[in-house]
Amino acid sequence: MQTRSPNLPPDTQREMLRRMLTIRRFEERASADYLAGKIYGVVHCYIGEEAVAVGVCGALERGDRIISTHRGHGHCIAKGADLGRMMAELYGRQTGYCKGKGGSMHIADFGIGMLGANGIVAGGIAIVTGAGLAAQMEGKGSVAVSFFGDGASNAGPFHECLNIAATWKLPMLYVCENNLYAAQTAAAATHALSDIAARAAGYGIPGVVVDGNDVFAVYQAANRAVDRARSGDGPTLIECKTYRWRAHTERRGQPDPRDQQELEVWKGRDPIARLERQLREQGDLDDSGLQTIERDVVTALDAAVAFAEASPFPTPERATDDVFSA
C-alpha cells in the first residue's frame, strides 16, 4: 500500500513522478546504448530504486550536499544534474561532467551539491561526512547526505563515520539503499540482523526502516531527518528496503543468480506504478497528463543523447588535465 501523500502541491507530486520516470528511461537508454557498444566502461542501473533518490532529494535544498555510489545516475538526476552532460560522460565525450574521463561511476556537479558518485564500496561515506562537518562549521543550516548500499554497511567507514557524526552531532543523513544484494551476495548471508537501521542504536541516533519503493514514505522519513539535522540534533540512519531489477552490472550474457520469482514479486511493487496509481486516485493525474510527462522525458533524453553523440572525444593532449598528483 502506498503511503498517503504528504502535504505537497499536486505539481510537486507530479514532478516526483517525472523525475522517477526520467531516471528509469535514462537507465534503460544507458543499458541499450552500452550493449550496442556506444557507451564505454561499466554501467550499473538504478531501475527499481527510483523512489529512494527522488524521495530523499525532494526533502533537500540546492545547497545541501549528497554523495553517491557506483550506482549513481539516479541520485544525480534527482539532485538536478544536466542530462546532456551526464550522457556525454557515459559516452566518454569532452563535454561530459568529467570531460569524458570519469565515466558512469564518477559523475559530479558541485554546483548542485552533487559531490560525486564513487566506484569504491563505502568510499563516499567518509567524504560526505566531511561535508557534514563543513556544513556545521559554515552555520548556514545545510545538511549532507550519504547514499550507500547494504554491502557498504559492513565496511569500516560506515561505523567510523556514524560514530563521529553522532558524537559531533553533524547535520547528516545516512541513507542505506538495501536492495538485498551486494553484487551477487545476498544480504541475509552477511548481516547478523535483518534491519541495518538497528545499528543506529549503537551510536545513540535514530534508525528508521522505510519502504524504499514508496516515494512518499521515503520523503516523509527524509524530511523528518532533515529537520532534525538542521535543528542541530545530529544524524539519522534511514534504511530504505528496495530492490534492483537489473543484474549488478550491464553485461552481455551475465547470469543473474537471484531467484527470478523474487524479482517478479518486487516488480509487482514498482515504485513508479505505485506513484502513478496514487496520483490517479487523488485526481491529480490522467492519461493525458501521463502522456505529456512521458513525452517530455523522452524528448529530453533524445536531446541528451544527441548532445553526447555530437560532442568530441577528449584528445591525448588532455590526458593530464585536472591531474594534480602522480
Protein backbone atom coordinates (compact mmCIF):
# COMPACT_ATOMS: atom_id res chain seq x y z
CA MET A 1 0.00 0.00 0.00
CA GLN A 2 1.24 3.47 -0.92
CA THR A 3 1.62 5.97 1.92
CA ARG A 4 -0.89 8.80 1.84
CA SER A 5 0.61 11.73 0.02
CA PRO A 6 2.28 14.33 2.24
CA ASN A 7 1.23 17.95 2.26
CA LEU A 8 2.79 18.64 -1.13
CA PRO A 9 1.16 20.53 -4.02
CA PRO A 10 -0.02 18.34 -6.92
CA ASP A 11 2.60 19.93 -9.19
CA THR A 12 5.34 18.82 -6.79
CA GLN A 13 3.97 15.29 -6.68
CA ARG A 14 3.83 15.15 -10.48
CA GLU A 15 7.42 16.43 -10.56
CA MET A 16 8.39 13.47 -8.38
CA LEU A 17 6.82 11.17 -10.96
CA ARG A 18 8.61 12.96 -13.79
CA ARG A 19 11.98 12.59 -12.07
CA MET A 20 11.39 8.91 -11.35
CA LEU A 21 10.43 8.32 -14.97
CA THR A 22 13.48 10.28 -16.12
CA ILE A 23 15.74 8.04 -14.04
CA ARG A 24 14.17 4.88 -15.42
CA ARG A 25 14.22 5.98 -19.06
CA PHE A 26 17.80 7.24 -18.67
CA GLU A 27 18.88 3.88 -17.31
CA GLU A 28 17.01 1.96 -20.00
CA ARG A 29 18.73 4.08 -22.66
CA ALA A 30 22.12 3.74 -20.97
CA SER A 31 21.74 -0.04 -20.87
CA ALA A 32 20.68 -0.26 -24.52
CA ASP A 33 23.49 2.01 -25.71
CA TYR A 34 26.06 0.18 -23.59
CA LEU A 35 25.04 -3.17 -25.07
CA ALA A 36 25.18 -1.56 -28.53
CA GLY A 37 28.80 -0.57 -27.93
CA LYS A 38 28.16 3.17 -27.75
CA ILE A 39 28.96 3.56 -24.05
CA TYR A 40 32.29 2.62 -22.51
CA GLY A 41 33.25 1.30 -19.10
CA VAL A 42 30.72 -0.27 -16.75
CA VAL A 43 27.08 0.70 -16.22
CA HIS A 44 25.18 -0.08 -13.01
CA CYS A 45 21.46 0.54 -13.49
CA TYR A 46 19.24 2.03 -10.77
CA ILE A 47 15.98 0.66 -12.18
CA GLY A 48 13.57 -0.29 -9.39
CA GLU A 49 15.10 2.01 -6.78
CA GLU A 50 13.94 5.38 -8.15
CA ALA A 51 11.76 6.28 -5.15
CA VAL A 52 14.76 6.44 -2.82
CA ALA A 53 16.72 9.08 -4.72
CA VAL A 54 13.65 11.16 -5.55
CA GLY A 55 12.11 10.89 -2.09
CA VAL A 56 15.30 11.89 -0.28
CA CYS A 57 16.34 14.65 -2.68
CA GLY A 58 12.79 16.01 -2.61
CA ALA A 59 13.41 16.92 1.04
CA LEU A 60 16.65 18.76 0.28
CA GLU A 61 17.58 22.26 -0.84
CA ARG A 62 20.02 23.13 -3.61
CA GLY A 63 22.78 23.99 -1.14
CA ASP A 64 22.57 20.61 0.61
CA ARG A 65 25.26 18.14 -0.42
CA ILE A 66 24.99 14.50 -1.34
CA ILE A 67 27.36 11.72 -2.35
CA SER A 68 26.55 8.59 -4.28
CA THR A 69 27.79 5.08 -5.04
CA HIS A 70 28.83 3.14 -8.14
CA ARG A 71 25.06 3.05 -8.93
CA GLY A 72 24.76 6.81 -9.02
CA HIS A 73 22.76 8.02 -12.03
CA GLY A 74 19.50 8.19 -10.08
CA HIS A 75 20.97 10.38 -7.35
CA CYS A 76 22.49 12.73 -9.94
CA ILE A 77 19.17 13.15 -11.74
CA ALA A 78 17.17 13.52 -8.52
CA LYS A 79 19.54 16.31 -7.37
CA GLY A 80 19.13 18.14 -10.67
CA ALA A 81 22.12 17.18 -12.83
CA ASP A 82 22.14 18.04 -16.53
CA LEU A 83 21.13 15.03 -18.65
CA GLY A 84 23.28 16.08 -21.60
CA ARG A 85 26.47 16.33 -19.56
CA MET A 86 25.65 13.05 -17.83
CA MET A 87 25.10 11.21 -21.09
CA ALA A 88 28.21 12.79 -22.60
CA GLU A 89 30.23 11.44 -19.69
CA LEU A 90 28.88 7.94 -20.26
CA TYR A 91 29.76 8.32 -23.94
CA GLY A 92 33.30 9.36 -22.98
CA ARG A 93 32.97 12.81 -24.55
CA GLN A 94 34.79 16.01 -23.65
CA THR A 95 31.52 17.81 -22.80
CA GLY A 96 30.77 15.33 -20.00
CA TYR A 97 30.87 16.22 -16.33
CA CYS A 98 34.38 14.75 -16.00
CA LYS A 99 35.41 15.69 -19.56
CA GLY A 100 34.83 12.14 -20.70
CA LYS A 101 37.48 10.63 -18.44
CA GLY A 102 35.45 9.60 -15.39
CA GLY A 103 32.66 7.53 -16.85
CA SER A 104 29.46 6.26 -15.29
CA MET A 105 30.77 5.83 -11.74
CA HIS A 106 32.32 9.27 -11.21
CA ILE A 107 29.76 11.91 -12.19
CA ALA A 108 29.85 15.03 -10.02
CA ASP A 109 28.36 18.52 -10.09
CA PHE A 110 29.45 20.64 -7.15
CA GLY A 111 27.18 23.47 -8.32
CA ILE A 112 24.07 21.49 -7.33
CA GLY A 113 25.63 19.86 -4.27
CA MET A 114 26.37 16.55 -6.00
CA LEU A 115 29.83 15.66 -4.65
CA GLY A 116 30.14 12.66 -6.91
CA ALA A 117 29.47 9.02 -7.44
CA ASN A 118 32.16 6.69 -6.16
CA GLY A 119 33.34 3.36 -7.50
CA ILE A 120 34.70 2.22 -4.13
CA VAL A 121 32.21 0.47 -1.86
CA ALA A 122 31.69 2.76 1.17
CA GLY A 123 34.17 5.20 -0.36
CA GLY A 124 31.79 8.14 -0.32
CA ILE A 125 30.63 7.82 3.29
CA ALA A 126 33.71 9.48 4.80
CA ILE A 127 33.88 12.15 2.09
CA VAL A 128 30.34 13.36 2.68
CA THR A 129 30.72 13.14 6.46
CA GLY A 130 33.43 15.73 5.93
CA ALA A 131 30.86 17.76 4.01
CA GLY A 132 28.57 17.43 7.03
CA LEU A 133 31.32 18.85 9.24
CA ALA A 134 31.79 21.68 6.73
CA ALA A 135 28.06 22.41 6.83
CA GLN A 136 28.15 22.56 10.60
CA MET A 137 31.12 24.94 10.54
CA GLU A 138 29.51 27.14 7.88
CA GLY A 139 26.47 27.58 10.08
CA LYS A 140 24.02 28.11 7.21
CA GLY A 141 21.69 25.26 8.11
CA SER A 142 22.76 22.94 5.28
CA VAL A 143 22.80 19.16 5.56
CA ALA A 144 24.78 16.39 3.89
CA VAL A 145 23.50 13.01 2.69
CA SER A 146 25.36 9.75 2.18
CA PHE A 147 23.74 7.21 -0.11
CA PHE A 148 25.19 3.70 0.19
CA GLY A 149 24.18 0.08 -0.17
CA ASP A 150 23.69 -2.81 2.21
CA GLY A 151 27.17 -4.09 1.39
CA ALA A 152 28.77 -0.80 2.43
CA SER A 153 27.08 -1.01 5.83
CA ASN A 154 29.55 -3.78 6.71
CA ALA A 155 32.59 -1.66 5.86
CA GLY A 156 34.69 0.31 8.33
CA PRO A 157 33.85 3.82 7.07
CA PHE A 158 30.16 3.24 7.83
CA HIS A 159 30.81 2.58 11.51
CA GLU A 160 33.58 5.15 11.91
CA CYS A 161 31.53 7.91 10.31
CA LEU A 162 28.31 7.18 12.18
CA ASN A 163 30.29 7.29 15.40
CA ILE A 164 31.93 10.65 14.71
CA ALA A 165 28.75 12.17 13.24
CA ALA A 166 26.77 11.13 16.31
CA THR A 167 29.46 12.38 18.69
CA TRP A 168 29.73 15.77 16.98
CA LYS A 169 26.01 15.96 16.10
CA LEU A 170 26.77 16.57 12.45
CA PRO A 171 23.85 17.54 10.17
CA MET A 172 23.85 14.23 8.30
CA LEU A 173 21.50 11.73 6.73
CA TYR A 174 22.91 8.25 6.18
CA VAL A 175 20.64 6.59 3.63
CA CYS A 176 21.13 2.86 3.15
CA GLU A 177 19.58 1.58 -0.07
CA ASN A 178 19.10 -2.02 1.00
CA ASN A 179 18.37 -3.78 -2.27
CA LEU A 180 19.08 -7.13 -0.58
CA TYR A 181 22.24 -7.89 -2.58
CA ALA A 182 25.83 -6.68 -2.61
CA ALA A 183 26.75 -7.56 -6.18
CA GLN A 184 25.62 -11.21 -6.22
CA THR A 185 25.84 -11.83 -2.45
CA ALA A 186 22.57 -11.85 -0.53
CA ALA A 187 22.46 -9.50 2.46
CA ALA A 188 20.98 -12.34 4.52
CA ALA A 189 24.30 -14.18 4.20
CA THR A 190 26.41 -11.30 5.50
CA HIS A 191 24.24 -9.46 8.04
CA ALA A 192 23.52 -10.78 11.51
CA LEU A 193 20.44 -8.54 11.78
CA SER A 194 17.68 -8.21 9.22
CA ASP A 195 17.45 -4.43 9.72
CA ILE A 196 20.56 -2.37 9.10
CA ALA A 197 18.80 0.57 10.76
CA ALA A 198 19.09 -1.29 14.10
CA ARG A 199 22.81 -0.49 14.06
CA ALA A 200 21.98 3.14 14.76
CA ALA A 201 21.24 2.28 18.39
CA GLY A 202 24.92 1.57 18.94
CA TYR A 203 25.66 5.21 18.18
CA GLY A 204 22.72 6.74 20.01
CA ILE A 205 20.98 8.08 16.91
CA PRO A 206 17.61 7.31 15.30
CA GLY A 207 17.45 4.35 12.94
CA VAL A 208 14.44 4.28 10.63
CA VAL A 209 13.24 1.49 8.32
CA VAL A 210 11.13 2.65 5.39
CA ASP A 211 9.54 1.12 2.30
CA GLY A 212 12.05 2.23 -0.32
CA ASN A 213 9.53 1.67 -3.14
CA ASP A 214 7.12 4.24 -1.66
CA VAL A 215 8.34 7.71 -2.61
CA PHE A 216 6.07 9.47 -0.12
CA ALA A 217 7.24 7.26 2.76
CA VAL A 218 10.86 7.96 1.82
CA TYR A 219 10.18 11.69 1.51
CA GLN A 220 8.49 11.85 4.91
CA ALA A 221 11.31 9.95 6.64
CA ALA A 222 13.93 12.14 4.95
CA ASN A 223 12.03 15.32 5.78
CA ARG A 224 11.95 14.42 9.48
CA ALA A 225 15.65 13.59 9.41
CA VAL A 226 16.47 16.84 7.61
CA ASP A 227 14.52 18.85 10.21
CA ARG A 228 16.43 17.06 12.97
CA ALA A 229 19.77 17.72 11.27
CA ARG A 230 19.04 21.40 10.59
CA SER A 231 17.99 21.84 14.22
CA GLY A 232 21.41 20.71 15.42
CA ASP A 233 20.23 17.36 16.81
CA GLY A 234 22.58 15.27 14.70
CA PRO A 235 22.37 12.46 12.16
CA THR A 236 19.77 9.85 11.28
CA LEU A 237 20.23 6.45 9.67
CA ILE A 238 17.45 5.68 7.18
CA GLU A 239 17.24 2.18 5.72
CA CYS A 240 15.20 2.01 2.52
CA LYS A 241 14.11 -1.52 1.68
CA THR A 242 14.12 -1.80 -2.11
CA TYR A 243 15.27 -3.99 -4.98
CA ARG A 244 17.18 -3.51 -8.23
CA TRP A 245 15.57 -5.05 -11.28
CA ARG A 246 18.77 -5.49 -13.24
CA ALA A 247 21.86 -7.59 -12.64
CA HIS A 248 24.72 -5.97 -10.75
CA THR A 249 26.12 -4.54 -13.98
CA GLU A 250 25.00 -4.38 -17.60
CA ARG A 251 26.98 -7.09 -19.40
CA ARG A 252 26.17 -9.34 -22.30
CA GLY A 253 25.38 -12.85 -21.18
CA GLN A 254 25.96 -12.14 -17.49
CA PRO A 255 23.91 -14.60 -15.44
CA ASP A 256 21.76 -13.22 -12.66
CA PRO A 257 21.95 -15.69 -9.77
CA ARG A 258 18.99 -14.21 -7.94
CA ASP A 259 15.70 -16.05 -7.65
CA GLN A 260 13.66 -14.88 -10.65
CA GLN A 261 10.43 -15.42 -8.73
CA GLU A 262 11.76 -13.00 -6.10
CA LEU A 263 12.45 -10.48 -8.85
CA GLU A 264 8.91 -10.76 -10.19
CA VAL A 265 7.49 -10.15 -6.70
CA TRP A 266 9.47 -6.94 -6.42
CA LYS A 267 8.49 -5.83 -9.92
CA GLY A 268 4.93 -6.02 -8.63
CA ARG A 269 5.93 -3.29 -6.16
CA ASP A 270 7.16 -0.98 -8.94
CA PRO A 271 7.66 2.44 -7.28
CA ILE A 272 6.69 4.34 -10.43
CA ALA A 273 3.47 2.40 -10.99
CA ARG A 274 2.57 2.90 -7.32
CA LEU A 275 3.02 6.66 -7.52
CA GLU A 276 1.13 6.87 -10.80
CA ARG A 277 -1.77 4.92 -9.29
CA GLN A 278 -1.84 7.15 -6.22
CA LEU A 279 -1.91 10.34 -8.29
CA ARG A 280 -4.76 8.98 -10.37
CA GLU A 281 -6.73 8.07 -7.24
CA GLN A 282 -6.18 11.59 -5.90
CA GLY A 283 -7.46 13.07 -9.17
CA ASP A 284 -4.07 14.68 -9.83
CA LEU A 285 -3.16 12.68 -12.96
CA ASP A 286 -4.99 11.40 -16.03
CA ASP A 287 -3.96 9.69 -19.27
CA SER A 288 -3.26 12.97 -20.99
CA GLY A 289 -1.09 14.21 -18.13
CA LEU A 290 0.90 10.99 -18.03
CA GLN A 291 1.43 11.05 -21.79
CA THR A 292 2.73 14.61 -21.53
CA ILE A 293 5.21 13.65 -18.83
CA GLU A 294 6.38 10.62 -20.81
CA ARG A 295 6.76 12.67 -23.99
CA ASP A 296 8.76 15.38 -22.21
CA VAL A 297 11.05 12.79 -20.61
CA VAL A 298 11.75 11.02 -23.91
CA THR A 299 12.34 14.34 -25.68
CA ALA A 300 14.86 15.41 -23.02
CA LEU A 301 16.69 12.08 -23.23
CA ASP A 302 16.80 12.15 -27.02
CA ALA A 303 18.33 15.62 -26.80
CA ALA A 304 20.87 14.40 -24.23
CA VAL A 305 21.95 11.51 -26.47
CA ALA A 306 22.17 13.80 -29.49
CA PHE A 307 24.34 16.19 -27.48
CA ALA A 308 26.62 13.33 -26.42
CA GLU A 309 26.94 11.88 -29.91
CA ALA A 310 27.76 15.29 -31.39
CA SER A 311 30.45 16.01 -28.79
CA PRO A 312 34.16 15.33 -29.39
CA PHE A 313 36.23 12.72 -27.63
CA PRO A 314 38.98 14.07 -25.36
CA THR A 315 42.30 14.24 -27.16
CA PRO A 316 45.51 12.57 -25.92
CA GLU A 317 46.89 16.03 -25.16
CA ARG A 318 44.18 16.46 -22.50
CA ALA A 319 45.07 13.26 -20.65
CA THR A 320 46.82 15.04 -17.79
CA ASP A 321 44.32 17.91 -17.43
CA ASP A 322 42.93 18.06 -13.88
CA VAL A 323 45.54 15.58 -12.64
CA PHE A 324 47.13 17.16 -9.58
CA SER A 325 49.49 14.41 -8.43
CA ALA A 326 51.17 11.38 -9.88
